Each structure stands twice: as C-alpha cells, then as structure tokens.
Amino acid sequence: MTVGIDARNSASAAVGLAFEAARSRGVRLHVVHAWTLPAQAAERPFPALEKDRATWEDDEVQRLSDALRPWRGKYPEVDVLADVVLLAPEVALAHAAGNSGLVMAGRRSGRTALALLPDAGCPVMVVPV
C-alpha cells in the first residue's frame, strides 16, 4: 500500500486512513514525499551544487520523519517505508504504485490524483482533505 504525503502540510485524513488500512491488512505502508528544488536553485545561472542538493534533501527527510512520528506512535505494528524523492508528486506516486496494491492520495487541488490515474497500475483512492 502506498500513500503520497506533503510533509510540509500533511493531510491527516489521508495519512490516518492509509495507516489504518495498512494495519488492518497487515501490509507495509510505503509513504512517498515528493519535493522540488527551492526557488533559489532555479534562479542560479548554474546547476545546484551537490552539497546544496544533499542539504535540501536532508531537510525533506527530516520533515517527513517529523510528520510520520505521531502516526508511527499510534500504529507501531505498521511497517513503514518512508521515501523522499526529487520528482513531481504524480510521477513519484506512479513509480511507487508499481509495487503496490493500492495507492492513496489526499485531494487538495485534485491535480496529482488526476495525473496519477492513467499511470498508477493499481487502484487509486483519493481522500478529501
């Protein structure tokens, strides 16, 4: 089972539903947080330095860890694979869904869920947030 999460503004309804579904099915929960380079990197006339990219990614990993901490405490029996990827959310979820029986996405704008539908390769659950 896979769920997409924005660690900066996590949709607790989608995350809670994903943890509960993984617990009840006894399956591992793959949590995917997609991120992009900061605007300051796009403004540079040269590509971002590897050191800077690594620092930004470390910050995203910490954000995801912080966002998952209460859920891991509430559902200690759920095996969680936390994944931070530098991709568009719909691309990251489509890749992760290839090994999943279900992919869940919170719906704020619906853009990610709509883009995910044709490429998911498994059922997609869109959770209102």
N, C-alpha and C. Protein backbone atom coordinates (compact mmCIF):
# COMPACT_ATOMS: atom_id res chain seq x y z
N MET A 1 0.84 -1.16 0.00
CA MET A 1 0.00 0.00 0.00
C MET A 1 0.90 1.23 0.00
N THR A 2 0.50 2.23 -0.78
CA THR A 2 1.29 3.45 -0.93
C THR A 2 0.43 4.66 -0.66
N VAL A 3 0.99 5.65 0.02
CA VAL A 3 0.29 6.92 0.23
C VAL A 3 1.26 8.06 -0.08
N GLY A 4 0.74 9.06 -0.78
CA GLY A 4 1.52 10.26 -1.04
C GLY A 4 1.27 11.26 0.08
N ILE A 5 2.33 11.92 0.51
CA ILE A 5 2.22 12.88 1.60
C ILE A 5 3.04 14.11 1.28
N ASP A 6 2.51 15.26 1.60
CA ASP A 6 3.28 16.50 1.56
C ASP A 6 3.70 16.76 3.00
N ALA A 7 4.95 16.48 3.31
CA ALA A 7 5.43 16.58 4.69
C ALA A 7 5.35 18.00 5.23
N ARG A 8 5.24 18.98 4.35
CA ARG A 8 5.11 20.36 4.81
C ARG A 8 3.68 20.67 5.28
N ASN A 9 2.74 19.94 4.74
CA ASN A 9 1.33 20.19 5.04
C ASN A 9 0.58 18.87 4.90
N SER A 10 0.90 17.94 5.79
CA SER A 10 0.37 16.59 5.63
C SER A 10 -1.14 16.54 5.83
N ALA A 11 -1.77 15.78 4.97
CA ALA A 11 -3.22 15.59 5.03
C ALA A 11 -3.50 14.47 6.02
N SER A 12 -3.86 14.83 7.24
CA SER A 12 -4.01 13.81 8.27
C SER A 12 -5.09 12.80 7.93
N ALA A 13 -6.13 13.19 7.21
CA ALA A 13 -7.18 12.24 6.84
C ALA A 13 -6.61 11.14 5.96
N ALA A 14 -5.83 11.50 4.95
CA ALA A 14 -5.26 10.51 4.04
C ALA A 14 -4.22 9.65 4.76
N VAL A 15 -3.38 10.26 5.56
CA VAL A 15 -2.34 9.51 6.26
C VAL A 15 -2.96 8.57 7.29
N GLY A 16 -3.93 9.07 8.04
CA GLY A 16 -4.60 8.23 9.03
C GLY A 16 -5.31 7.05 8.38
N LEU A 17 -5.99 7.30 7.28
CA LEU A 17 -6.67 6.23 6.56
C LEU A 17 -5.68 5.21 6.02
N ALA A 18 -4.55 5.68 5.52
CA ALA A 18 -3.52 4.78 4.99
C ALA A 18 -2.93 3.90 6.10
N PHE A 19 -2.63 4.49 7.25
CA PHE A 19 -2.10 3.70 8.37
C PHE A 19 -3.12 2.67 8.83
N GLU A 20 -4.37 3.08 8.94
CA GLU A 20 -5.42 2.15 9.38
C GLU A 20 -5.60 1.02 8.37
N ALA A 21 -5.60 1.34 7.09
CA ALA A 21 -5.75 0.31 6.05
C ALA A 21 -4.56 -0.65 6.06
N ALA A 22 -3.36 -0.13 6.21
CA ALA A 22 -2.17 -0.99 6.26
C ALA A 22 -2.21 -1.90 7.49
N ARG A 23 -2.63 -1.34 8.62
CA ARG A 23 -2.73 -2.14 9.85
C ARG A 23 -3.75 -3.26 9.69
N SER A 24 -4.92 -2.91 9.16
CA SER A 24 -5.98 -3.91 9.06
C SER A 24 -5.66 -5.00 8.04
N ARG A 25 -4.84 -4.68 7.03
CA ARG A 25 -4.46 -5.66 6.01
C ARG A 25 -3.16 -6.38 6.34
N GLY A 26 -2.44 -5.86 7.33
CA GLY A 26 -1.15 -6.46 7.69
C GLY A 26 -0.09 -6.30 6.63
N VAL A 27 -0.10 -5.15 5.94
CA VAL A 27 0.87 -4.90 4.88
C VAL A 27 1.75 -3.70 5.23
N ARG A 28 2.87 -3.63 4.55
CA ARG A 28 3.76 -2.49 4.73
C ARG A 28 3.16 -1.26 4.07
N LEU A 29 3.37 -0.10 4.67
CA LEU A 29 2.91 1.18 4.13
C LEU A 29 4.10 1.93 3.55
N HIS A 30 4.04 2.20 2.27
CA HIS A 30 5.08 2.97 1.58
C HIS A 30 4.60 4.41 1.54
N VAL A 31 5.27 5.28 2.28
CA VAL A 31 4.92 6.70 2.34
C VAL A 31 5.88 7.46 1.44
N VAL A 32 5.32 8.17 0.47
CA VAL A 32 6.13 8.88 -0.53
C VAL A 32 5.93 10.39 -0.36
N HIS A 33 7.04 11.08 -0.16
CA HIS A 33 7.04 12.54 -0.09
C HIS A 33 7.87 13.05 -1.27
N ALA A 34 7.21 13.70 -2.21
CA ALA A 34 7.90 14.27 -3.37
C ALA A 34 8.24 15.73 -3.07
N TRP A 35 9.39 16.16 -3.57
CA TRP A 35 9.80 17.54 -3.34
C TRP A 35 10.48 18.08 -4.58
N THR A 36 10.62 19.38 -4.63
CA THR A 36 11.32 20.05 -5.73
C THR A 36 12.41 20.93 -5.16
N LEU A 37 13.34 21.29 -6.01
CA LEU A 37 14.41 22.19 -5.57
C LEU A 37 13.81 23.55 -5.20
N PRO A 38 14.40 24.22 -4.23
CA PRO A 38 13.90 25.54 -3.85
C PRO A 38 14.01 26.54 -5.00
N ALA A 39 13.20 27.57 -4.94
CA ALA A 39 13.19 28.59 -5.99
C ALA A 39 14.57 29.20 -6.19
N GLN A 40 15.32 29.34 -5.10
CA GLN A 40 16.66 29.95 -5.22
C GLN A 40 17.56 29.13 -6.14
N ALA A 41 17.36 27.83 -6.22
CA ALA A 41 18.17 26.99 -7.10
C ALA A 41 17.83 27.27 -8.56
N ALA A 42 16.57 27.53 -8.85
CA ALA A 42 16.15 27.80 -10.22
C ALA A 42 16.67 29.15 -10.71
N GLU A 43 16.90 30.07 -9.80
CA GLU A 43 17.37 31.41 -10.17
C GLU A 43 18.86 31.46 -10.47
N ARG A 44 19.58 30.43 -10.09
CA ARG A 44 21.02 30.41 -10.31
C ARG A 44 21.33 30.16 -11.78
N PRO A 45 22.41 30.76 -12.29
CA PRO A 45 22.78 30.54 -13.70
C PRO A 45 23.47 29.19 -13.93
N PHE A 46 23.72 28.45 -12.85
CA PHE A 46 24.39 27.15 -12.96
C PHE A 46 23.60 26.14 -12.13
N PRO A 47 23.77 24.85 -12.40
CA PRO A 47 23.03 23.83 -11.64
C PRO A 47 23.37 23.88 -10.14
N ALA A 48 22.45 23.41 -9.33
CA ALA A 48 22.68 23.37 -7.89
C ALA A 48 23.87 22.47 -7.57
N LEU A 49 24.66 22.89 -6.62
CA LEU A 49 25.78 22.08 -6.17
C LEU A 49 25.26 20.84 -5.45
N GLU A 50 25.98 19.75 -5.57
CA GLU A 50 25.57 18.50 -4.93
C GLU A 50 25.45 18.68 -3.42
N LYS A 51 26.33 19.47 -2.84
CA LYS A 51 26.29 19.72 -1.40
C LYS A 51 24.98 20.40 -1.02
N ASP A 52 24.57 21.40 -1.81
CA ASP A 52 23.31 22.09 -1.53
C ASP A 52 22.13 21.16 -1.69
N ARG A 53 22.13 20.37 -2.76
CA ARG A 53 21.03 19.44 -3.00
C ARG A 53 20.92 18.43 -1.87
N ALA A 54 22.05 17.95 -1.40
CA ALA A 54 22.06 16.98 -0.30
C ALA A 54 21.50 17.60 0.98
N THR A 55 21.84 18.84 1.23
CA THR A 55 21.33 19.54 2.41
C THR A 55 19.82 19.72 2.32
N TRP A 56 19.34 20.13 1.15
CA TRP A 56 17.89 20.30 0.97
C TRP A 56 17.17 18.96 1.14
N GLU A 57 17.75 17.91 0.58
CA GLU A 57 17.13 16.59 0.71
C GLU A 57 17.11 16.12 2.17
N ASP A 58 18.20 16.36 2.89
CA ASP A 58 18.23 16.02 4.32
C ASP A 58 17.11 16.74 5.08
N ASP A 59 16.86 17.99 4.72
CA ASP A 59 15.77 18.75 5.35
C ASP A 59 14.42 18.10 5.05
N GLU A 60 14.23 17.63 3.83
CA GLU A 60 12.97 16.97 3.45
C GLU A 60 12.80 15.64 4.18
N VAL A 61 13.89 14.90 4.33
CA VAL A 61 13.85 13.63 5.07
C VAL A 61 13.43 13.90 6.52
N GLN A 62 13.98 14.95 7.11
CA GLN A 62 13.63 15.29 8.49
C GLN A 62 12.17 15.72 8.59
N ARG A 63 11.68 16.48 7.62
CA ARG A 63 10.27 16.89 7.61
C ARG A 63 9.35 15.67 7.57
N LEU A 64 9.68 14.72 6.70
CA LEU A 64 8.85 13.52 6.59
C LEU A 64 8.90 12.73 7.90
N SER A 65 10.06 12.58 8.47
CA SER A 65 10.19 11.87 9.74
C SER A 65 9.34 12.53 10.82
N ASP A 66 9.39 13.85 10.89
CA ASP A 66 8.59 14.59 11.87
C ASP A 66 7.09 14.41 11.63
N ALA A 67 6.68 14.43 10.36
CA ALA A 67 5.26 14.28 10.02
C ALA A 67 4.75 12.88 10.36
N LEU A 68 5.61 11.86 10.24
CA LEU A 68 5.20 10.48 10.48
C LEU A 68 5.29 10.06 11.95
N ARG A 69 6.04 10.81 12.75
CA ARG A 69 6.29 10.41 14.14
C ARG A 69 5.00 10.11 14.90
N PRO A 70 3.98 10.98 14.88
CA PRO A 70 2.77 10.65 15.65
C PRO A 70 2.04 9.42 15.11
N TRP A 71 2.09 9.22 13.81
CA TRP A 71 1.40 8.08 13.20
C TRP A 71 2.12 6.77 13.54
N ARG A 72 3.42 6.82 13.55
CA ARG A 72 4.19 5.62 13.93
C ARG A 72 3.95 5.28 15.39
N GLY A 73 3.76 6.30 16.22
CA GLY A 73 3.45 6.05 17.62
C GLY A 73 2.07 5.45 17.80
N LYS A 74 1.12 5.91 17.01
CA LYS A 74 -0.25 5.41 17.10
C LYS A 74 -0.41 4.02 16.50
N TYR A 75 0.40 3.72 15.47
CA TYR A 75 0.34 2.43 14.76
C TYR A 75 1.71 1.76 14.76
N PRO A 76 2.22 1.36 15.93
CA PRO A 76 3.57 0.78 15.98
C PRO A 76 3.68 -0.54 15.23
N GLU A 77 2.57 -1.21 15.01
CA GLU A 77 2.61 -2.50 14.32
C GLU A 77 2.72 -2.37 12.80
N VAL A 78 2.57 -1.16 12.28
CA VAL A 78 2.64 -0.96 10.83
C VAL A 78 4.09 -0.76 10.41
N ASP A 79 4.54 -1.59 9.49
CA ASP A 79 5.88 -1.47 8.90
C ASP A 79 5.82 -0.33 7.88
N VAL A 80 6.65 0.70 8.07
CA VAL A 80 6.61 1.89 7.22
C VAL A 80 7.91 2.02 6.44
N LEU A 81 7.77 2.22 5.14
CA LEU A 81 8.90 2.57 4.28
C LEU A 81 8.70 4.03 3.89
N ALA A 82 9.51 4.91 4.46
CA ALA A 82 9.42 6.34 4.17
C ALA A 82 10.37 6.67 3.03
N ASP A 83 9.84 7.34 2.01
CA ASP A 83 10.60 7.60 0.79
C ASP A 83 10.50 9.08 0.43
N VAL A 84 11.63 9.73 0.27
CA VAL A 84 11.70 11.14 -0.15
C VAL A 84 12.32 11.16 -1.53
N VAL A 85 11.57 11.70 -2.51
CA VAL A 85 12.05 11.68 -3.89
C VAL A 85 11.97 13.05 -4.53
N LEU A 86 12.94 13.34 -5.36
CA LEU A 86 13.01 14.61 -6.08
C LEU A 86 12.33 14.42 -7.43
N LEU A 87 11.00 14.36 -7.40
CA LEU A 87 10.17 14.18 -8.59
C LEU A 87 8.85 14.92 -8.38
N ALA A 88 8.12 15.09 -9.46
CA ALA A 88 6.76 15.61 -9.34
C ALA A 88 5.94 14.58 -8.58
N PRO A 89 4.99 15.01 -7.75
CA PRO A 89 4.22 14.04 -6.94
C PRO A 89 3.56 12.93 -7.75
N GLU A 90 2.95 13.28 -8.87
CA GLU A 90 2.26 12.25 -9.65
C GLU A 90 3.23 11.22 -10.23
N VAL A 91 4.43 11.67 -10.59
CA VAL A 91 5.45 10.75 -11.12
C VAL A 91 5.97 9.85 -9.99
N ALA A 92 6.24 10.45 -8.85
CA ALA A 92 6.73 9.68 -7.70
C ALA A 92 5.72 8.62 -7.28
N LEU A 93 4.44 9.00 -7.21
CA LEU A 93 3.42 8.04 -6.81
C LEU A 93 3.20 6.96 -7.86
N ALA A 94 3.26 7.32 -9.12
CA ALA A 94 3.10 6.32 -10.19
C ALA A 94 4.22 5.28 -10.11
N HIS A 95 5.45 5.72 -9.85
CA HIS A 95 6.57 4.78 -9.71
C HIS A 95 6.35 3.86 -8.51
N ALA A 96 5.98 4.45 -7.39
CA ALA A 96 5.78 3.67 -6.17
C ALA A 96 4.59 2.72 -6.30
N ALA A 97 3.58 3.12 -7.03
CA ALA A 97 2.36 2.31 -7.17
C ALA A 97 2.62 1.04 -7.95
N GLY A 98 3.70 0.99 -8.71
CA GLY A 98 4.00 -0.20 -9.49
C GLY A 98 4.17 -1.44 -8.63
N ASN A 99 4.55 -1.27 -7.38
CA ASN A 99 4.75 -2.39 -6.45
C ASN A 99 3.68 -2.42 -5.36
N SER A 100 2.57 -1.78 -5.61
CA SER A 100 1.56 -1.61 -4.57
C SER A 100 0.22 -2.15 -5.02
N GLY A 101 -0.59 -2.55 -4.07
CA GLY A 101 -1.94 -3.00 -4.38
C GLY A 101 -2.94 -1.86 -4.37
N LEU A 102 -2.56 -0.74 -3.76
CA LEU A 102 -3.43 0.43 -3.65
C LEU A 102 -2.55 1.64 -3.43
N VAL A 103 -2.88 2.74 -4.09
CA VAL A 103 -2.19 4.00 -3.86
C VAL A 103 -3.23 5.02 -3.41
N MET A 104 -2.88 5.77 -2.37
CA MET A 104 -3.79 6.77 -1.81
C MET A 104 -3.16 8.14 -1.95
N ALA A 105 -4.00 9.11 -2.28
CA ALA A 105 -3.54 10.50 -2.38
C ALA A 105 -4.60 11.40 -1.76
N GLY A 106 -4.14 12.38 -1.02
CA GLY A 106 -5.05 13.39 -0.49
C GLY A 106 -5.41 14.35 -1.59
N ARG A 107 -6.63 14.84 -1.56
CA ARG A 107 -7.08 15.74 -2.61
C ARG A 107 -7.19 17.16 -2.08
N ARG A 108 -6.28 17.99 -2.53
CA ARG A 108 -6.40 19.43 -2.29
C ARG A 108 -6.90 20.07 -3.58
N SER A 109 -6.09 19.98 -4.62
CA SER A 109 -6.50 20.54 -5.91
C SER A 109 -7.02 19.46 -6.84
N GLY A 110 -6.63 18.21 -6.59
CA GLY A 110 -7.02 17.11 -7.46
C GLY A 110 -6.07 16.89 -8.61
N ARG A 111 -5.13 17.81 -8.82
CA ARG A 111 -4.21 17.73 -9.94
C ARG A 111 -3.34 16.48 -9.89
N THR A 112 -2.77 16.17 -8.73
CA THR A 112 -1.92 15.00 -8.60
C THR A 112 -2.71 13.72 -8.83
N ALA A 113 -3.87 13.63 -8.21
CA ALA A 113 -4.69 12.41 -8.36
C ALA A 113 -5.11 12.20 -9.80
N LEU A 114 -5.53 13.25 -10.47
CA LEU A 114 -5.94 13.11 -11.87
C LEU A 114 -4.77 12.70 -12.76
N ALA A 115 -3.60 13.25 -12.52
CA ALA A 115 -2.43 12.88 -13.31
C ALA A 115 -1.98 11.46 -13.01
N LEU A 116 -2.23 10.99 -11.80
CA LEU A 116 -1.82 9.66 -11.37
C LEU A 116 -2.69 8.56 -11.98
N LEU A 117 -3.96 8.81 -12.16
CA LEU A 117 -4.91 7.78 -12.59
C LEU A 117 -4.47 6.97 -13.82
N PRO A 118 -4.04 7.59 -14.91
CA PRO A 118 -3.70 6.78 -16.09
C PRO A 118 -2.45 5.91 -15.92
N ASP A 119 -1.56 6.27 -14.98
CA ASP A 119 -0.27 5.60 -14.88
C ASP A 119 -0.09 4.75 -13.63
N ALA A 120 -1.08 4.69 -12.76
CA ALA A 120 -0.88 4.06 -11.44
C ALA A 120 -0.64 2.56 -11.53
N GLY A 121 -1.35 1.84 -12.37
CA GLY A 121 -1.17 0.40 -12.46
C GLY A 121 -1.81 -0.36 -11.31
N CYS A 122 -2.55 0.32 -10.45
CA CYS A 122 -3.27 -0.30 -9.35
C CYS A 122 -4.42 0.64 -8.98
N PRO A 123 -5.34 0.19 -8.12
CA PRO A 123 -6.42 1.09 -7.71
C PRO A 123 -5.87 2.36 -7.03
N VAL A 124 -6.58 3.46 -7.27
CA VAL A 124 -6.21 4.75 -6.68
C VAL A 124 -7.36 5.22 -5.79
N MET A 125 -7.05 5.56 -4.55
CA MET A 125 -8.04 6.11 -3.64
C MET A 125 -7.70 7.58 -3.42
N VAL A 126 -8.65 8.45 -3.69
CA VAL A 126 -8.47 9.88 -3.48
C VAL A 126 -9.24 10.25 -2.22
N VAL A 127 -8.53 10.78 -1.25
CA VAL A 127 -9.11 11.09 0.06
C VAL A 127 -9.28 12.60 0.18
N PRO A 128 -10.51 13.07 0.40
CA PRO A 128 -10.69 14.51 0.60
C PRO A 128 -9.98 14.98 1.85
N VAL A 129 -9.35 16.14 1.79
CA VAL A 129 -8.66 16.68 2.96
C VAL A 129 -9.25 18.00 3.36
